[in-house]
Amino acid sequence: MATELPGILIVDDNEDNRYTLQLLLESDGHERIASAACGKEAISLLEKQKFSLVLLDLMMPDLNGNEVLKLIKSDPEKRDIPVVMISADTDAEKVAQCIELGADDYLPKPFNPTILRARIGAALRRHLIMGAGKRVSGQDREREAPFREPAAQHSTD
């Protein structure tokens, strides 16, 4: 069975930041990388493709990072995608708000490449483990189905 390579979505309104993140990811061997220059473009890409991780800037002009995060985490099909916020804003309340909204991590800009790599690796591992757990749970339900008690049938006689 072929496994799909993890797809990573970079969302940042700054082209230099997107380029830097893409180069870093490519140098680490990631092949499925997409980028969006704004929140609306990110949501559109998330509707069309599956991703294993989103690197999301907080401060963007159309939909800010928190708004995109809320949309991702409110969608049952996407809520399990890890989201790492990356922002120049290091205000503790804003960081806490992102985490409360469902962000898996928060990295300040300028980011340290070593720490970013570690956090990306950890987020992808968690996503892989969560996905494997869901598949196992689904398989267990299918295996157990023949052994479940049939639903009580009510006779009308």
Foldseek 3Di string as FASTA:
>chain_A
DDDDAAAEEEEALDPVVLVVVVVLCVVVPRDRYYYYNALVVVVVVVVVDDHQEYEAEQDDDPQGRLRSLLVQCVDPVRNLRAYEYEYQDPPVVVQVSSVVSPHPYYAYPVGDSVVVVVVVVVSSVVSVVVVVVVVVVVVVCVVCVVVDDDDDDDDPD
